[in-house]
Amino acid sequence: MTETLKKTGSQDRTDLVAYWSIPLLDGVHTVEFEHGHTTGKRVIRVDGKEIVRKEWVFKLVGDETFEIGNQKTKCVLRVDPLPHFAFRYSLYVDGKPLEQFTEKQSQNIRSWTTVIGSQRYRIVLEKQALNVYVNGQICEAEHSFVKDGSEITFPLEETYATIKATSADENQGVIHQLYLDGKLVEEDIF
């Protein structure tokens, strides 16, 4: 976290009160929030880029609305009062508390990260529509049924990647696994 904070260019980080990570189709985005308890100052950064700055806010509590990611996902940062001049900071994504949104994302998408040469790739499978995203961009993929399930094949650099879907027991449902040159790539966990 400190490495990310240094990169953002802010000279005064004494008012940093909250930091969240949000998994979306185009990547995992970070949101930082600075709140001046005496001045009401509010600063929101997404992926290190300042998107909201209010120097003097007379009302210390309330909401800030902003969008993140390529899909322009709506976020609401809520500042609520607590006893003894303290505050609670919560983030809502697509109308849901971050914890619920993250849980839903973990059910609806699968993601993997791999490096080919010196290039990093984040591959995401949107399970409902069976769309494949590479570094946030939807890619052309070929879907086919095979003996033990189905496969989604798509180009990645000079090779092809394959997402294999196989049935497991009742408790696990369908298991999606990414193979690159026949080698299993570990799934990201968020």
Protein backbone atom coordinates (compact mmCIF):
# COMPACT_ATOMS: atom_id res chain seq x y z
CA MET A 1 0.00 0.00 0.00
CA THR A 2 2.75 2.51 0.81
CA GLU A 3 4.29 1.98 -2.62
CA THR A 4 0.97 2.87 -4.28
CA LEU A 5 0.55 5.90 -2.05
CA LYS A 6 3.97 7.27 -3.01
CA LYS A 7 3.19 6.95 -6.71
CA THR A 8 0.07 9.10 -6.56
CA GLY A 9 2.00 12.31 -6.11
CA SER A 10 0.18 13.66 -3.09
CA GLN A 11 2.51 15.48 -0.71
CA ASP A 12 0.25 15.28 2.36
CA ARG A 13 -1.15 11.85 3.20
CA THR A 14 -2.05 12.57 6.81
CA ASP A 15 -5.77 12.61 5.97
CA LEU A 16 -5.87 9.18 4.25
CA VAL A 17 -8.63 7.29 6.06
CA ALA A 18 -9.75 4.48 3.74
CA TYR A 19 -8.45 2.23 0.95
CA TRP A 20 -10.44 -0.34 -1.04
CA SER A 21 -9.81 -2.81 -3.90
CA ILE A 22 -12.65 -3.44 -6.37
CA PRO A 23 -12.57 -6.38 -8.81
CA LEU A 24 -14.13 -5.49 -12.19
CA LEU A 25 -13.98 -7.05 -15.65
CA ASP A 26 -11.18 -4.68 -16.70
CA GLY A 27 -9.05 -5.23 -13.60
CA VAL A 28 -8.85 -4.69 -9.88
CA HIS A 29 -9.18 -0.98 -9.14
CA THR A 30 -8.03 0.77 -5.98
CA VAL A 31 -9.91 3.62 -4.32
CA GLU A 32 -8.25 5.87 -1.74
CA PHE A 33 -10.12 8.42 0.36
CA GLU A 34 -8.71 11.38 2.27
CA HIS A 35 -10.97 13.14 4.76
CA GLY A 36 -9.98 16.21 6.76
CA HIS A 37 -11.84 15.92 10.06
CA THR A 38 -11.63 19.64 10.79
CA THR A 39 -11.90 21.12 7.29
CA GLY A 40 -14.10 18.47 5.70
CA LYS A 41 -11.57 18.15 2.86
CA ARG A 42 -12.37 15.20 0.60
CA VAL A 43 -10.04 13.64 -1.95
CA ILE A 44 -10.84 10.47 -3.90
CA ARG A 45 -8.23 8.68 -6.00
CA VAL A 46 -8.90 5.76 -8.32
CA ASP A 47 -5.83 3.76 -9.32
CA GLY A 48 -3.66 6.61 -8.03
CA LYS A 49 -5.41 9.28 -10.14
CA GLU A 50 -7.21 12.04 -8.28
CA ILE A 51 -10.83 12.24 -9.46
CA VAL A 52 -12.46 14.32 -6.69
CA ARG A 53 -11.00 17.13 -4.59
CA LYS A 54 -13.04 19.37 -2.30
CA GLU A 55 -10.93 21.53 0.01
CA TRP A 56 -13.63 22.95 2.28
CA VAL A 57 -16.79 20.99 2.97
CA PHE A 58 -18.89 22.31 5.83
CA LYS A 59 -20.89 19.11 6.14
CA LEU A 60 -18.44 16.45 7.37
CA VAL A 61 -20.76 13.52 6.57
CA GLY A 62 -22.53 12.57 3.35
CA ASP A 63 -21.97 10.80 0.04
CA GLU A 64 -19.59 11.20 -2.89
CA THR A 65 -20.58 9.55 -6.18
CA PHE A 66 -18.09 8.61 -8.90
CA GLU A 67 -17.46 6.01 -11.62
CA ILE A 68 -14.64 3.51 -12.11
CA GLY A 69 -13.43 1.18 -14.84
CA ASN A 70 -14.14 0.89 -18.54
CA GLN A 71 -17.75 -0.04 -17.80
CA LYS A 72 -18.22 3.20 -15.80
CA THR A 73 -19.34 1.30 -12.71
CA LYS A 74 -21.13 3.61 -10.27
CA CYS A 75 -19.62 3.93 -6.79
CA VAL A 76 -20.89 5.78 -3.75
CA LEU A 77 -18.51 6.57 -0.91
CA ARG A 78 -20.51 7.16 2.25
CA VAL A 79 -19.25 9.06 5.30
CA ASP A 80 -21.40 8.41 8.39
CA PRO A 81 -20.98 9.86 11.88
CA LEU A 82 -19.98 7.74 14.87
CA PRO A 83 -19.86 8.79 18.54
CA HIS A 84 -16.93 10.84 19.86
CA PHE A 85 -16.31 12.76 16.61
CA ALA A 86 -15.42 9.65 14.64
CA PHE A 87 -16.58 8.55 11.20
CA ARG A 88 -17.41 5.33 9.37
CA TYR A 89 -16.42 5.10 5.70
CA SER A 90 -18.20 2.65 3.43
CA LEU A 91 -18.12 2.03 -0.30
CA TYR A 92 -21.08 0.92 -2.41
CA VAL A 93 -20.50 -0.48 -5.89
CA ASP A 94 -23.42 -0.89 -8.30
CA GLY A 95 -25.76 -0.13 -5.39
CA LYS A 96 -24.36 -2.87 -3.14
CA PRO A 97 -21.96 -2.69 -0.20
CA LEU A 98 -18.45 -3.55 -1.41
CA GLU A 99 -18.46 -6.89 0.44
CA GLN A 100 -21.69 -8.00 -1.31
CA PHE A 101 -20.47 -6.73 -4.68
CA THR A 102 -17.16 -8.59 -4.31
CA GLU A 103 -18.99 -11.78 -3.32
CA LYS A 104 -21.24 -11.48 -6.38
CA GLN A 105 -18.22 -10.84 -8.61
CA SER A 106 -16.51 -13.94 -7.23
CA GLN A 107 -19.58 -15.95 -8.27
CA ASN A 108 -19.95 -14.35 -11.72
CA ILE A 109 -16.39 -14.07 -12.99
CA ARG A 110 -13.18 -16.06 -13.00
CA SER A 111 -9.83 -14.35 -13.49
CA TRP A 112 -6.22 -15.31 -14.06
CA THR A 113 -3.01 -13.32 -14.36
CA THR A 114 -0.07 -14.44 -16.45
CA VAL A 115 3.10 -12.96 -17.90
CA ILE A 116 4.27 -13.72 -21.43
CA GLY A 117 7.68 -12.27 -22.23
CA SER A 118 7.58 -9.00 -20.32
CA GLN A 119 3.85 -8.36 -20.86
CA ARG A 120 1.37 -8.95 -18.01
CA TYR A 121 -2.09 -10.22 -18.96
CA ARG A 122 -5.25 -10.36 -16.87
CA ILE A 123 -7.77 -12.78 -18.35
CA VAL A 124 -11.36 -12.67 -17.13
CA LEU A 125 -14.22 -15.03 -17.94
CA GLU A 126 -17.69 -13.58 -17.47
CA LYS A 127 -19.55 -16.79 -16.64
CA GLN A 128 -23.09 -15.63 -17.51
CA ALA A 129 -22.35 -14.48 -21.07
CA LEU A 130 -19.17 -16.58 -21.53
CA ASN A 131 -17.30 -13.48 -22.67
CA VAL A 132 -13.51 -13.42 -22.33
CA TYR A 133 -11.66 -10.20 -21.52
CA VAL A 134 -7.91 -9.73 -21.86
CA ASN A 135 -6.59 -6.67 -20.01
CA GLY A 136 -10.11 -5.25 -19.95
CA GLN A 137 -10.83 -5.69 -23.66
CA ILE A 138 -13.33 -8.27 -24.87
CA CYS A 139 -11.66 -10.71 -27.23
CA GLU A 140 -12.84 -13.00 -30.00
CA ALA A 141 -13.13 -16.53 -28.70
CA GLU A 142 -14.16 -19.86 -30.14
CA HIS A 143 -16.57 -21.93 -28.03
CA SER A 144 -16.75 -25.70 -28.48
CA PHE A 145 -18.11 -28.75 -26.72
CA VAL A 146 -15.69 -31.54 -25.91
CA LYS A 147 -16.04 -34.98 -24.35
CA ASP A 148 -15.77 -33.87 -20.71
CA GLY A 149 -17.28 -30.36 -20.92
CA SER A 150 -16.61 -27.29 -23.03
CA GLU A 151 -13.67 -25.17 -24.11
CA ILE A 152 -13.20 -21.53 -24.95
CA THR A 153 -10.12 -20.87 -27.10
CA PHE A 154 -8.70 -17.42 -27.82
CA PRO A 155 -5.41 -15.95 -29.09
CA LEU A 156 -2.87 -14.61 -26.63
CA GLU A 157 0.41 -13.32 -28.09
CA GLU A 158 1.81 -16.00 -30.41
CA THR A 159 -0.16 -18.82 -28.81
CA TYR A 160 -3.70 -19.83 -27.93
CA ALA A 161 -5.18 -19.95 -24.47
CA THR A 162 -7.95 -22.34 -23.50
CA ILE A 163 -10.49 -22.09 -20.71
CA LYS A 164 -11.83 -25.55 -19.96
CA ALA A 165 -15.17 -25.96 -18.21
CA THR A 166 -15.82 -29.31 -16.56
CA SER A 167 -18.57 -30.54 -14.29
CA ALA A 168 -17.67 -31.29 -10.71
CA ASP A 169 -19.84 -32.58 -7.89
CA GLU A 170 -23.07 -30.84 -6.84
CA ASN A 171 -21.31 -28.59 -4.34
CA GLN A 172 -18.74 -27.16 -6.76
CA GLY A 173 -20.81 -26.88 -9.95
CA VAL A 174 -18.78 -26.10 -13.06
CA ILE A 175 -15.01 -25.65 -12.71
CA HIS A 176 -13.25 -23.24 -15.08
CA GLN A 177 -9.51 -23.64 -15.64
CA LEU A 178 -7.18 -21.65 -17.89
CA TYR A 179 -4.47 -23.45 -19.84
CA LEU A 180 -1.67 -21.70 -21.69
CA ASP A 181 0.42 -23.93 -23.94
CA GLY A 182 -1.15 -26.90 -22.14
CA LYS A 183 -0.05 -25.67 -18.69
CA LEU A 184 -2.56 -24.84 -15.98
CA VAL A 185 -2.58 -21.17 -14.86
CA GLU A 186 -3.55 -20.57 -11.22
CA GLU A 187 -6.80 -18.66 -10.74
CA ASP A 188 -6.74 -15.23 -9.06
CA ILE A 189 -8.45 -15.01 -5.71
CA PHE A 190 -10.09 -11.80 -4.56
